[in-house]
Amino acid sequence: MKITVMRLQGLHLELETQLQRRYGVRRVIVVEATEPGNDESIKQAIGSAAAHYLETSLSPQDRIGISSWSSTIRAMVGHLHAQPGKQAAQEVVQLLGGVGHKGAFEATLLTQRLATLLNCPAFLLPSQSIEQSVESKQRIVQMEEVKEVLQRFDSITLAIVGIGDLEPSTAAQQRQLLHRRHVAPARRTRRGGRYLPALLRCPGQAGAGGR
């Protein structure tokens, strides 16, 4: 009798362990795209892995915060499965507003879609992500509907955010929201990612002892 142990394809445990030790993070998941040179294939692979991790690590007591400027996070939400008859989280809170009229709609739609899949309430942030002045920002954060959402930030136990490219997104470039001088320091230190979504455990009151 001959017994052979075969390593499953698509697993990169050694590399994941090295990255965890190198950067001091609890969990790293390395994925393998079916078409490594294709942006959409890479995003879908990452989105699928992130969705699986979220589904297997989420607690019904979790309060989720989600950013809305990431196509990879949209891919993650697209790969999530509905939870019929089960409330998989306490709530989903929108962390970033939109960019322009269409951007604002897409941001709230993504937040609402995630909340629907998890069978929990959604708290939408009715504001733009970038304002033209400090005075405008101060005025907006005093609006009752905005304050209600911002007050929930402290209780978030899981934040889903994107680590974007060093270059501003197409939407940001078109609206001239970010000048090149804003990204120059990050470019010099090579900070940033290309497609990476990060699921960050936060010290909220609910879900203490997070993973």
N, C-alpha and C. Protein backbone atom coordinates (compact mmCIF):
# COMPACT_ATOMS: atom_id res chain seq x y z
N MET A 1 0.84 -1.19 0.00
CA MET A 1 0.00 0.00 0.00
C MET A 1 0.88 1.25 0.00
N LYS A 2 0.52 2.22 -0.82
CA LYS A 2 1.26 3.47 -0.90
C LYS A 2 0.34 4.64 -0.59
N ILE A 3 0.73 5.46 0.36
CA ILE A 3 -0.05 6.63 0.75
C ILE A 3 0.71 7.89 0.34
N THR A 4 0.05 8.74 -0.42
CA THR A 4 0.67 9.98 -0.88
C THR A 4 -0.16 11.16 -0.40
N VAL A 5 0.50 12.12 0.22
CA VAL A 5 -0.17 13.33 0.70
C VAL A 5 0.04 14.41 -0.35
N MET A 6 -1.04 14.87 -0.93
CA MET A 6 -0.98 15.89 -1.97
C MET A 6 -1.38 17.24 -1.39
N ARG A 7 -0.62 18.25 -1.72
CA ARG A 7 -0.97 19.60 -1.28
C ARG A 7 -2.06 20.15 -2.19
N LEU A 8 -3.11 20.70 -1.58
CA LEU A 8 -4.19 21.28 -2.36
C LEU A 8 -3.69 22.49 -3.13
N GLN A 9 -4.14 22.60 -4.36
CA GLN A 9 -3.77 23.75 -5.16
C GLN A 9 -4.46 25.01 -4.63
N GLY A 10 -3.77 26.12 -4.76
CA GLY A 10 -4.35 27.38 -4.32
C GLY A 10 -4.06 27.72 -2.87
N LEU A 11 -3.41 26.82 -2.12
CA LEU A 11 -3.05 27.10 -0.73
C LEU A 11 -1.61 27.59 -0.67
N HIS A 12 -1.39 28.63 0.11
CA HIS A 12 -0.05 29.21 0.22
C HIS A 12 0.26 29.45 1.70
N LEU A 13 0.22 28.38 2.48
CA LEU A 13 0.34 28.51 3.93
C LEU A 13 1.68 29.07 4.36
N GLU A 14 2.76 28.63 3.69
CA GLU A 14 4.09 29.10 4.08
C GLU A 14 4.23 30.61 3.83
N LEU A 15 3.77 31.06 2.67
CA LEU A 15 3.84 32.48 2.35
C LEU A 15 2.96 33.29 3.29
N GLU A 16 1.77 32.78 3.60
CA GLU A 16 0.87 33.49 4.51
C GLU A 16 1.51 33.64 5.89
N THR A 17 2.17 32.56 6.37
CA THR A 17 2.82 32.61 7.67
C THR A 17 3.96 33.62 7.67
N GLN A 18 4.72 33.65 6.59
CA GLN A 18 5.83 34.60 6.49
C GLN A 18 5.32 36.04 6.53
N LEU A 19 4.25 36.30 5.82
CA LEU A 19 3.69 37.65 5.80
C LEU A 19 3.13 38.05 7.16
N GLN A 20 2.49 37.10 7.84
CA GLN A 20 1.95 37.38 9.16
C GLN A 20 3.06 37.75 10.13
N ARG A 21 4.16 37.02 10.08
CA ARG A 21 5.28 37.30 10.98
C ARG A 21 5.98 38.60 10.59
N ARG A 22 6.11 38.82 9.29
CA ARG A 22 6.85 40.01 8.83
C ARG A 22 6.13 41.29 9.20
N TYR A 23 4.79 41.30 9.07
CA TYR A 23 4.04 42.54 9.30
C TYR A 23 3.24 42.55 10.60
N GLY A 24 3.33 41.49 11.38
CA GLY A 24 2.68 41.47 12.67
C GLY A 24 1.17 41.48 12.62
N VAL A 25 0.58 40.81 11.63
CA VAL A 25 -0.87 40.74 11.53
C VAL A 25 -1.34 39.33 11.88
N ARG A 26 -2.58 39.23 12.32
CA ARG A 26 -3.09 37.94 12.79
C ARG A 26 -3.37 36.96 11.67
N ARG A 27 -3.83 37.47 10.55
CA ARG A 27 -4.24 36.56 9.48
C ARG A 27 -3.98 37.18 8.12
N VAL A 28 -3.34 36.44 7.26
CA VAL A 28 -3.12 36.83 5.87
C VAL A 28 -3.65 35.71 4.98
N ILE A 29 -4.38 36.07 3.94
CA ILE A 29 -4.88 35.08 2.99
C ILE A 29 -4.32 35.43 1.61
N VAL A 30 -3.57 34.51 1.04
CA VAL A 30 -2.99 34.69 -0.29
C VAL A 30 -3.86 33.92 -1.29
N VAL A 31 -4.27 34.59 -2.35
CA VAL A 31 -5.13 33.95 -3.35
C VAL A 31 -4.40 33.83 -4.67
N GLU A 32 -4.93 32.97 -5.50
CA GLU A 32 -4.34 32.72 -6.82
C GLU A 32 -5.42 32.95 -7.88
N ALA A 33 -5.22 33.94 -8.72
CA ALA A 33 -6.20 34.26 -9.76
C ALA A 33 -6.10 33.31 -10.93
N THR A 34 -7.23 33.05 -11.57
CA THR A 34 -7.23 32.18 -12.75
C THR A 34 -6.51 32.83 -13.92
N GLU A 35 -6.57 34.17 -13.98
CA GLU A 35 -5.84 34.92 -15.00
C GLU A 35 -5.00 35.97 -14.30
N PRO A 36 -3.76 35.64 -13.92
CA PRO A 36 -2.94 36.55 -13.13
C PRO A 36 -2.72 37.93 -13.75
N GLY A 37 -2.78 38.04 -15.05
CA GLY A 37 -2.55 39.32 -15.70
C GLY A 37 -3.80 40.14 -15.90
N ASN A 38 -4.93 39.63 -15.44
CA ASN A 38 -6.21 40.30 -15.66
C ASN A 38 -6.70 40.93 -14.37
N ASP A 39 -6.89 42.26 -14.37
CA ASP A 39 -7.31 42.97 -13.16
C ASP A 39 -8.60 42.42 -12.58
N GLU A 40 -9.59 42.19 -13.44
CA GLU A 40 -10.89 41.73 -12.96
C GLU A 40 -10.78 40.33 -12.36
N SER A 41 -9.96 39.47 -12.95
CA SER A 41 -9.77 38.13 -12.42
C SER A 41 -9.14 38.18 -11.03
N ILE A 42 -8.18 39.07 -10.83
CA ILE A 42 -7.53 39.22 -9.53
C ILE A 42 -8.52 39.72 -8.49
N LYS A 43 -9.31 40.72 -8.86
CA LYS A 43 -10.29 41.27 -7.92
C LYS A 43 -11.33 40.23 -7.53
N GLN A 44 -11.77 39.44 -8.50
CA GLN A 44 -12.77 38.42 -8.20
C GLN A 44 -12.20 37.33 -7.29
N ALA A 45 -10.95 36.98 -7.49
CA ALA A 45 -10.30 35.97 -6.63
C ALA A 45 -10.18 36.48 -5.20
N ILE A 46 -9.76 37.73 -5.05
CA ILE A 46 -9.65 38.32 -3.72
C ILE A 46 -11.03 38.48 -3.09
N GLY A 47 -11.99 38.92 -3.89
CA GLY A 47 -13.34 39.10 -3.37
C GLY A 47 -13.94 37.79 -2.88
N SER A 48 -13.70 36.72 -3.61
CA SER A 48 -14.22 35.41 -3.22
C SER A 48 -13.60 34.95 -1.90
N ALA A 49 -12.28 35.10 -1.78
CA ALA A 49 -11.59 34.69 -0.55
C ALA A 49 -12.04 35.54 0.64
N ALA A 50 -12.19 36.85 0.42
CA ALA A 50 -12.62 37.73 1.50
C ALA A 50 -14.04 37.40 1.95
N ALA A 51 -14.91 37.07 0.99
CA ALA A 51 -16.29 36.70 1.33
C ALA A 51 -16.32 35.43 2.17
N HIS A 52 -15.52 34.45 1.80
CA HIS A 52 -15.47 33.20 2.56
C HIS A 52 -14.95 33.46 3.98
N TYR A 53 -13.92 34.27 4.10
CA TYR A 53 -13.38 34.57 5.43
C TYR A 53 -14.42 35.30 6.28
N LEU A 54 -15.12 36.25 5.68
CA LEU A 54 -16.13 36.99 6.43
C LEU A 54 -17.24 36.06 6.91
N GLU A 55 -17.71 35.19 6.03
CA GLU A 55 -18.80 34.28 6.38
C GLU A 55 -18.42 33.31 7.49
N THR A 56 -17.15 32.90 7.53
CA THR A 56 -16.72 31.91 8.52
C THR A 56 -16.23 32.53 9.82
N SER A 57 -16.00 33.84 9.84
CA SER A 57 -15.46 34.46 11.06
C SER A 57 -16.44 35.43 11.72
N LEU A 58 -17.53 35.72 11.04
CA LEU A 58 -18.48 36.71 11.54
C LEU A 58 -19.27 36.19 12.73
N SER A 59 -19.52 37.08 13.68
CA SER A 59 -20.33 36.75 14.85
C SER A 59 -21.63 37.55 14.79
N PRO A 60 -22.74 36.99 15.29
CA PRO A 60 -24.00 37.74 15.31
C PRO A 60 -23.92 39.02 16.14
N GLN A 61 -22.91 39.14 16.99
CA GLN A 61 -22.75 40.34 17.80
C GLN A 61 -21.91 41.41 17.11
N ASP A 62 -21.37 41.10 15.95
CA ASP A 62 -20.49 42.04 15.26
C ASP A 62 -21.26 43.24 14.71
N ARG A 63 -20.61 44.38 14.79
CA ARG A 63 -21.10 45.62 14.17
C ARG A 63 -20.09 45.98 13.09
N ILE A 64 -20.53 45.95 11.85
CA ILE A 64 -19.63 46.05 10.71
C ILE A 64 -19.59 47.46 10.15
N GLY A 65 -18.40 47.93 9.88
CA GLY A 65 -18.23 49.18 9.15
C GLY A 65 -17.67 48.85 7.78
N ILE A 66 -18.17 49.51 6.74
CA ILE A 66 -17.70 49.20 5.38
C ILE A 66 -17.41 50.49 4.63
N SER A 67 -16.23 50.55 4.01
CA SER A 67 -15.91 51.67 3.14
C SER A 67 -16.54 51.40 1.78
N SER A 68 -16.57 52.41 0.94
CA SER A 68 -17.36 52.26 -0.29
C SER A 68 -16.60 52.69 -1.54
N TRP A 69 -15.29 52.79 -1.44
CA TRP A 69 -14.52 53.24 -2.58
C TRP A 69 -13.69 52.12 -3.18
N SER A 70 -14.08 50.89 -3.03
CA SER A 70 -13.25 49.77 -3.46
C SER A 70 -14.04 48.81 -4.35
N SER A 71 -13.55 48.62 -5.57
CA SER A 71 -14.19 47.66 -6.46
C SER A 71 -13.95 46.24 -5.97
N THR A 72 -12.85 46.01 -5.24
CA THR A 72 -12.59 44.68 -4.68
C THR A 72 -13.57 44.36 -3.56
N ILE A 73 -13.93 45.36 -2.76
CA ILE A 73 -14.94 45.14 -1.72
C ILE A 73 -16.29 44.86 -2.37
N ARG A 74 -16.58 45.54 -3.47
CA ARG A 74 -17.82 45.25 -4.20
C ARG A 74 -17.81 43.80 -4.69
N ALA A 75 -16.64 43.33 -5.12
CA ALA A 75 -16.53 41.93 -5.54
C ALA A 75 -16.77 40.99 -4.36
N MET A 76 -16.26 41.36 -3.18
CA MET A 76 -16.48 40.55 -1.98
C MET A 76 -17.97 40.43 -1.67
N VAL A 77 -18.67 41.56 -1.69
CA VAL A 77 -20.11 41.54 -1.41
C VAL A 77 -20.83 40.71 -2.47
N GLY A 78 -20.36 40.78 -3.70
CA GLY A 78 -20.98 39.99 -4.77
C GLY A 78 -20.83 38.49 -4.57
N HIS A 79 -19.81 38.06 -3.83
CA HIS A 79 -19.58 36.63 -3.60
C HIS A 79 -20.22 36.14 -2.31
N LEU A 80 -20.73 37.03 -1.48
CA LEU A 80 -21.36 36.61 -0.23
C LEU A 80 -22.67 35.88 -0.50
N HIS A 81 -22.99 34.94 0.38
CA HIS A 81 -24.25 34.21 0.29
C HIS A 81 -25.25 34.80 1.28
N ALA A 82 -26.49 34.83 0.89
CA ALA A 82 -27.54 35.32 1.78
C ALA A 82 -27.67 34.39 2.99
N GLN A 83 -28.13 34.95 4.09
CA GLN A 83 -28.32 34.20 5.34
C GLN A 83 -29.80 34.15 5.69
N PRO A 84 -30.60 33.35 4.99
CA PRO A 84 -32.04 33.34 5.23
C PRO A 84 -32.39 32.88 6.63
N GLY A 85 -33.26 33.65 7.28
CA GLY A 85 -33.71 33.28 8.62
C GLY A 85 -32.68 33.46 9.71
N LYS A 86 -31.56 34.12 9.40
CA LYS A 86 -30.50 34.27 10.39
C LYS A 86 -29.95 35.69 10.33
N GLN A 87 -29.89 36.35 11.47
CA GLN A 87 -29.27 37.66 11.53
C GLN A 87 -27.79 37.44 11.81
N ALA A 88 -26.95 37.65 10.80
CA ALA A 88 -25.53 37.30 10.89
C ALA A 88 -24.70 38.38 11.57
N ALA A 89 -25.24 39.59 11.75
CA ALA A 89 -24.52 40.68 12.41
C ALA A 89 -25.53 41.63 13.03
N GLN A 90 -25.05 42.50 13.91
CA GLN A 90 -25.94 43.46 14.55
C GLN A 90 -26.35 44.57 13.59
N GLU A 91 -25.39 45.07 12.81
CA GLU A 91 -25.66 46.18 11.90
C GLU A 91 -24.51 46.37 10.94
N VAL A 92 -24.77 47.10 9.87
CA VAL A 92 -23.73 47.49 8.91
C VAL A 92 -23.74 49.02 8.82
N VAL A 93 -22.58 49.63 9.03
CA VAL A 93 -22.46 51.09 9.06
C VAL A 93 -21.58 51.56 7.91
N GLN A 94 -22.05 52.51 7.17
CA GLN A 94 -21.27 53.08 6.06
C GLN A 94 -20.20 54.01 6.61
N LEU A 95 -18.93 53.74 6.27
CA LEU A 95 -17.81 54.51 6.82
C LEU A 95 -17.44 55.71 5.96
N LEU A 96 -17.69 55.65 4.67
CA LEU A 96 -17.33 56.73 3.76
C LEU A 96 -18.54 57.14 2.94
N GLY A 97 -18.63 58.44 2.69
CA GLY A 97 -19.68 58.92 1.81
C GLY A 97 -19.31 58.68 0.36
N GLY A 98 -20.08 59.23 -0.54
CA GLY A 98 -19.84 59.02 -1.95
C GLY A 98 -18.99 60.11 -2.56
N VAL A 99 -18.81 60.01 -3.87
CA VAL A 99 -18.09 61.02 -4.65
C VAL A 99 -19.01 61.43 -5.79
N GLY A 100 -19.65 62.58 -5.66
CA GLY A 100 -20.61 63.00 -6.67
C GLY A 100 -21.93 62.27 -6.50
N HIS A 101 -22.89 62.61 -7.35
CA HIS A 101 -24.24 62.05 -7.21
C HIS A 101 -24.25 60.54 -7.43
N LYS A 102 -23.60 60.08 -8.48
CA LYS A 102 -23.59 58.64 -8.75
C LYS A 102 -22.80 57.90 -7.69
N GLY A 103 -21.68 58.49 -7.26
CA GLY A 103 -20.85 57.85 -6.25
C GLY A 103 -21.59 57.69 -4.94
N ALA A 104 -22.37 58.69 -4.56
CA ALA A 104 -23.14 58.61 -3.33
C ALA A 104 -24.16 57.48 -3.40
N PHE A 105 -24.78 57.32 -4.56
CA PHE A 105 -25.76 56.26 -4.74
C PHE A 105 -25.09 54.89 -4.64
N GLU A 106 -23.93 54.73 -5.30
CA GLU A 106 -23.24 53.45 -5.28
C GLU A 106 -22.77 53.10 -3.87
N ALA A 107 -22.33 54.12 -3.12
CA ALA A 107 -21.85 53.87 -1.75
C ALA A 107 -22.96 53.35 -0.86
N THR A 108 -24.11 53.99 -0.91
CA THR A 108 -25.23 53.54 -0.08
C THR A 108 -25.77 52.20 -0.55
N LEU A 109 -25.73 51.96 -1.86
CA LEU A 109 -26.22 50.69 -2.40
C LEU A 109 -25.37 49.53 -1.91
N LEU A 110 -24.04 49.72 -1.86
CA LEU A 110 -23.15 48.66 -1.39
C LEU A 110 -23.41 48.35 0.08
N THR A 111 -23.57 49.39 0.88
CA THR A 111 -23.84 49.19 2.31
C THR A 111 -25.16 48.48 2.52
N GLN A 112 -26.19 48.91 1.79
CA GLN A 112 -27.50 48.29 1.93
C GLN A 112 -27.48 46.85 1.46
N ARG A 113 -26.75 46.57 0.39
CA ARG A 113 -26.66 45.20 -0.13
C ARG A 113 -26.03 44.26 0.89
N LEU A 114 -24.95 44.71 1.55
CA LEU A 114 -24.30 43.88 2.56
C LEU A 114 -25.24 43.63 3.73
N ALA A 115 -25.94 44.67 4.18
CA ALA A 115 -26.88 44.51 5.28
C ALA A 115 -28.01 43.55 4.93
N THR A 116 -28.47 43.61 3.69
CA THR A 116 -29.54 42.70 3.26
C THR A 116 -29.06 41.25 3.28
N LEU A 117 -27.84 41.02 2.82
CA LEU A 117 -27.29 39.66 2.81
C LEU A 117 -27.11 39.11 4.23
N LEU A 118 -26.81 40.00 5.17
CA LEU A 118 -26.57 39.58 6.55
C LEU A 118 -27.81 39.69 7.42
N ASN A 119 -28.93 40.12 6.83
CA ASN A 119 -30.20 40.24 7.57
C ASN A 119 -30.07 41.13 8.79
N CYS A 120 -29.53 42.32 8.60
CA CYS A 120 -29.38 43.25 9.71
C CYS A 120 -29.62 44.68 9.23
N PRO A 121 -29.80 45.63 10.14
CA PRO A 121 -30.05 47.02 9.74
C PRO A 121 -28.82 47.66 9.09
N ALA A 122 -29.06 48.62 8.20
CA ALA A 122 -28.00 49.40 7.57
C ALA A 122 -28.12 50.85 8.02
N PHE A 123 -26.98 51.46 8.32
CA PHE A 123 -26.95 52.87 8.68
C PHE A 123 -26.10 53.59 7.63
N LEU A 124 -26.79 54.39 6.81
CA LEU A 124 -26.17 55.03 5.66
C LEU A 124 -25.67 56.43 6.02
N LEU A 125 -24.53 56.79 5.45
CA LEU A 125 -23.91 58.08 5.73
C LEU A 125 -24.30 59.07 4.64
N PRO A 126 -25.24 59.97 4.93
CA PRO A 126 -25.76 60.89 3.90
C PRO A 126 -24.86 62.11 3.70
N SER A 127 -23.66 61.88 3.19
CA SER A 127 -22.73 62.98 2.97
C SER A 127 -21.72 62.58 1.91
N GLN A 128 -20.99 63.56 1.42
CA GLN A 128 -19.88 63.31 0.51
C GLN A 128 -18.64 62.96 1.33
N SER A 129 -17.71 62.24 0.72
CA SER A 129 -16.49 61.87 1.43
C SER A 129 -15.51 63.03 1.54
N ILE A 130 -15.52 63.90 0.56
CA ILE A 130 -14.58 65.02 0.54
C ILE A 130 -15.36 66.31 0.34
N GLU A 131 -15.16 67.25 1.26
CA GLU A 131 -15.82 68.54 1.17
C GLU A 131 -14.84 69.61 0.71
N GLN A 132 -15.36 70.74 0.28
CA GLN A 132 -14.53 71.79 -0.28
C GLN A 132 -13.84 72.65 0.77
N SER A 133 -14.31 72.61 2.01
CA SER A 133 -13.71 73.44 3.05
C SER A 133 -13.96 72.82 4.42
N VAL A 134 -13.17 73.26 5.39
CA VAL A 134 -13.34 72.80 6.77
C VAL A 134 -14.69 73.26 7.30
N GLU A 135 -15.10 74.46 6.93
CA GLU A 135 -16.38 74.99 7.40
C GLU A 135 -17.54 74.13 6.91
N SER A 136 -17.46 73.71 5.65
CA SER A 136 -18.49 72.85 5.09
C SER A 136 -18.54 71.51 5.81
N LYS A 137 -17.38 70.98 6.11
CA LYS A 137 -17.31 69.71 6.84
C LYS A 137 -17.91 69.82 8.23
N GLN A 138 -17.59 70.92 8.94
CA GLN A 138 -18.12 71.11 10.28
C GLN A 138 -19.64 71.25 10.26
N ARG A 139 -20.15 71.89 9.25
CA ARG A 139 -21.60 72.06 9.14
C ARG A 139 -22.29 70.71 8.92
N ILE A 140 -21.68 69.88 8.09
CA ILE A 140 -22.30 68.60 7.76
C ILE A 140 -22.28 67.64 8.95
N VAL A 141 -21.18 67.59 9.70
CA VAL A 141 -21.10 66.64 10.81
C VAL A 141 -22.05 67.01 11.94
N GLN A 142 -22.59 68.21 11.91
CA GLN A 142 -23.56 68.61 12.94
C GLN A 142 -25.00 68.27 12.54
N MET A 143 -25.19 67.82 11.31
CA MET A 143 -26.52 67.40 10.88
C MET A 143 -26.93 66.14 11.64
N GLU A 144 -28.16 66.10 12.11
CA GLU A 144 -28.60 64.99 12.96
C GLU A 144 -28.45 63.63 12.27
N GLU A 145 -28.82 63.56 10.98
CA GLU A 145 -28.75 62.28 10.29
C GLU A 145 -27.32 61.80 10.09
N VAL A 146 -26.37 62.75 10.03
CA VAL A 146 -24.96 62.39 9.92
C VAL A 146 -24.40 62.03 11.30
N LYS A 147 -24.75 62.78 12.30
CA LYS A 147 -24.28 62.51 13.66
C LYS A 147 -24.70 61.12 14.13
N GLU A 148 -25.91 60.72 13.76
CA GLU A 148 -26.40 59.40 14.17
C GLU A 148 -25.50 58.29 13.67
N VAL A 149 -25.01 58.44 12.44
CA VAL A 149 -24.13 57.42 11.86
C VAL A 149 -22.72 57.51 12.45
N LEU A 150 -22.19 58.71 12.57
CA LEU A 150 -20.84 58.90 13.10
C LEU A 150 -20.71 58.38 14.53
N GLN A 151 -21.77 58.52 15.32
CA GLN A 151 -21.72 58.04 16.70
C GLN A 151 -21.59 56.52 16.78
N ARG A 152 -21.94 55.83 15.72
CA ARG A 152 -21.85 54.37 15.71
C ARG A 152 -20.43 53.87 15.40
N PHE A 153 -19.56 54.76 14.97
CA PHE A 153 -18.21 54.34 14.61
C PHE A 153 -17.47 53.72 15.79
N ASP A 154 -17.68 54.25 16.99
CA ASP A 154 -16.95 53.77 18.17
C ASP A 154 -17.32 52.34 18.56
N SER A 155 -18.48 51.87 18.14
CA SER A 155 -18.92 50.53 18.52
C SER A 155 -18.66 49.49 17.43
N ILE A 156 -18.05 49.91 16.33
CA ILE A 156 -17.76 48.97 15.24
C ILE A 156 -16.73 47.94 15.68
N THR A 157 -17.00 46.68 15.41
CA THR A 157 -16.07 45.61 15.80
C THR A 157 -15.33 45.02 14.60
N LEU A 158 -15.81 45.27 13.39
CA LEU A 158 -15.15 44.77 12.19
C LEU A 158 -15.27 45.82 11.09
N ALA A 159 -14.13 46.33 10.65
CA ALA A 159 -14.11 47.34 9.59
C ALA A 159 -13.59 46.73 8.30
N ILE A 160 -14.34 46.89 7.23
CA ILE A 160 -13.94 46.39 5.91
C ILE A 160 -13.51 47.60 5.08
N VAL A 161 -12.22 47.69 4.82
CA VAL A 161 -11.69 48.86 4.11
C VAL A 161 -10.79 48.40 2.97
N GLY A 162 -10.62 49.27 2.00
CA GLY A 162 -9.75 48.96 0.87
C GLY A 162 -8.42 49.66 1.01
N ILE A 163 -7.34 48.98 0.62
CA ILE A 163 -6.02 49.59 0.57
C ILE A 163 -5.73 49.82 -0.90
N GLY A 164 -6.01 51.02 -1.37
CA GLY A 164 -5.99 51.28 -2.80
C GLY A 164 -4.61 51.55 -3.37
N ASP A 165 -4.60 51.74 -4.68
CA ASP A 165 -3.40 52.08 -5.42
C ASP A 165 -2.91 53.45 -4.97
N LEU A 166 -1.61 53.71 -5.17
CA LEU A 166 -1.05 55.01 -4.84
C LEU A 166 -1.64 56.11 -5.71
N GLU A 167 -2.00 55.78 -6.94
CA GLU A 167 -2.60 56.76 -7.82
C GLU A 167 -4.08 56.92 -7.46
N PRO A 168 -4.60 58.14 -7.47
CA PRO A 168 -6.03 58.35 -7.17
C PRO A 168 -6.91 57.56 -8.12
N SER A 169 -8.08 57.17 -7.64
CA SER A 169 -9.02 56.44 -8.47
C SER A 169 -9.48 57.31 -9.64
N THR A 170 -10.08 56.66 -10.62
CA THR A 170 -10.58 57.39 -11.79
C THR A 170 -11.59 58.45 -11.38
N ALA A 171 -12.49 58.08 -10.45
CA ALA A 171 -13.51 59.03 -10.00
C ALA A 171 -12.87 60.24 -9.33
N ALA A 172 -11.86 59.99 -8.50
CA ALA A 172 -11.20 61.09 -7.81
C ALA A 172 -10.45 61.99 -8.78
N GLN A 173 -9.84 61.38 -9.79
CA GLN A 173 -9.11 62.17 -10.78
C GLN A 173 -10.06 63.05 -11.59
N GLN A 174 -11.17 62.47 -12.01
CA GLN A 174 -12.12 63.21 -12.84
C GLN A 174 -12.68 64.42 -12.10
N ARG A 175 -12.88 64.28 -10.79
CA ARG A 175 -13.45 65.38 -10.01
C ARG A 175 -12.37 66.24 -9.36
N GLN A 176 -11.07 65.92 -9.67
CA GLN A 176 -9.94 66.68 -9.14
C GLN A 176 -10.01 66.78 -7.62
N LEU A 177 -10.33 65.63 -6.99
CA LEU A 177 -10.47 65.62 -5.53
C LEU A 177 -9.12 65.49 -4.83
N LEU A 178 -8.17 64.84 -5.50
CA LEU A 178 -6.86 64.64 -4.89
C LEU A 178 -5.78 65.17 -5.82
N HIS A 179 -4.93 66.01 -5.29
CA HIS A 179 -3.81 66.52 -6.07
C HIS A 179 -2.65 65.55 -5.92
N ARG A 180 -1.74 65.57 -6.88
CA ARG A 180 -0.60 64.65 -6.83
C ARG A 180 0.24 64.85 -5.57
N ARG A 181 0.24 66.08 -5.03
CA ARG A 181 1.04 66.31 -3.82
C ARG A 181 0.49 65.53 -2.63
N HIS A 182 -0.80 65.14 -2.70
CA HIS A 182 -1.39 64.38 -1.60
C HIS A 182 -0.86 62.95 -1.55
N VAL A 183 -0.48 62.40 -2.70
CA VAL A 183 -0.02 61.00 -2.73
C VAL A 183 1.49 60.91 -2.82
N ALA A 184 2.19 62.04 -2.97
CA ALA A 184 3.64 62.01 -3.10
C ALA A 184 4.34 61.38 -1.90
N PRO A 185 3.97 61.72 -0.64
CA PRO A 185 4.65 61.09 0.50
C PRO A 185 4.48 59.58 0.52
N ALA A 186 3.29 59.10 0.20
CA ALA A 186 3.06 57.65 0.18
C ALA A 186 3.85 56.99 -0.93
N ARG A 187 3.96 57.67 -2.07
CA ARG A 187 4.71 57.11 -3.18
C ARG A 187 6.19 56.97 -2.83
N ARG A 188 6.73 57.96 -2.10
CA ARG A 188 8.14 57.91 -1.73
C ARG A 188 8.44 56.75 -0.80
N THR A 189 7.48 56.41 0.08
CA THR A 189 7.69 55.31 1.02
C THR A 189 7.07 54.02 0.52
N ARG A 190 6.50 54.04 -0.69
CA ARG A 190 5.91 52.87 -1.33
C ARG A 190 4.79 52.28 -0.49
N ARG A 191 4.00 53.14 0.13
CA ARG A 191 2.86 52.67 0.91
C ARG A 191 1.63 52.60 0.02
N GLY A 192 0.83 51.60 0.27
CA GLY A 192 -0.39 51.44 -0.52
C GLY A 192 -0.46 50.02 -1.07
N GLY A 193 -1.59 49.69 -1.63
CA GLY A 193 -1.77 48.39 -2.23
C GLY A 193 -2.43 48.57 -3.57
N ARG A 194 -2.72 47.47 -4.23
CA ARG A 194 -3.35 47.62 -5.52
C ARG A 194 -4.80 47.20 -5.47
N TYR A 195 -5.07 46.06 -4.87
CA TYR A 195 -6.46 45.58 -4.83
C TYR A 195 -6.91 45.23 -3.42
N LEU A 196 -6.04 45.35 -2.43
CA LEU A 196 -6.24 44.68 -1.15
C LEU A 196 -7.40 45.22 -0.34
N PRO A 197 -8.34 44.33 0.06
CA PRO A 197 -9.30 44.72 1.08
C PRO A 197 -8.78 44.23 2.42
N ALA A 198 -8.92 45.02 3.46
CA ALA A 198 -8.50 44.61 4.79
C ALA A 198 -9.72 44.50 5.68
N LEU A 199 -9.82 43.40 6.43
CA LEU A 199 -10.89 43.22 7.41
C LEU A 199 -10.25 43.41 8.77
N LEU A 200 -10.53 44.54 9.41
CA LEU A 200 -9.85 44.93 10.63
C LEU A 200 -10.74 44.76 11.83
N ARG A 201 -10.24 44.02 12.83
CA ARG A 201 -10.97 43.89 14.09
C ARG A 201 -10.77 45.16 14.91
N CYS A 202 -11.87 45.74 15.38
CA CYS A 202 -11.83 47.01 16.10
C CYS A 202 -12.25 46.80 17.54
N PRO A 203 -11.78 47.67 18.46
CA PRO A 203 -12.10 47.51 19.88
C PRO A 203 -13.47 48.07 20.24
N GLY A 204 -14.51 47.67 19.54
CA GLY A 204 -15.86 48.11 19.87
C GLY A 204 -16.36 47.38 21.11
N GLN A 205 -17.45 47.88 21.66
CA GLN A 205 -17.98 47.28 22.87
C GLN A 205 -18.55 45.89 22.60
N ALA A 206 -19.25 45.74 21.47
CA ALA A 206 -19.79 44.41 21.16
C ALA A 206 -18.72 43.59 20.50
N GLY A 207 -18.77 42.29 20.69
CA GLY A 207 -17.81 41.40 20.02
C GLY A 207 -16.42 41.50 20.60
N ALA A 208 -16.28 41.81 21.89
CA ALA A 208 -14.97 41.91 22.51
C ALA A 208 -14.27 40.56 22.41
N GLY A 209 -12.95 40.59 22.34
CA GLY A 209 -12.21 39.35 22.17
C GLY A 209 -12.26 38.90 20.72
N GLY A 210 -12.26 39.87 19.80
CA GLY A 210 -12.37 39.57 18.37
C GLY A 210 -11.20 38.77 17.87
N ARG A 211 -11.40 38.19 16.71
CA ARG A 211 -10.41 37.31 16.12
C ARG A 211 -9.36 38.13 15.38
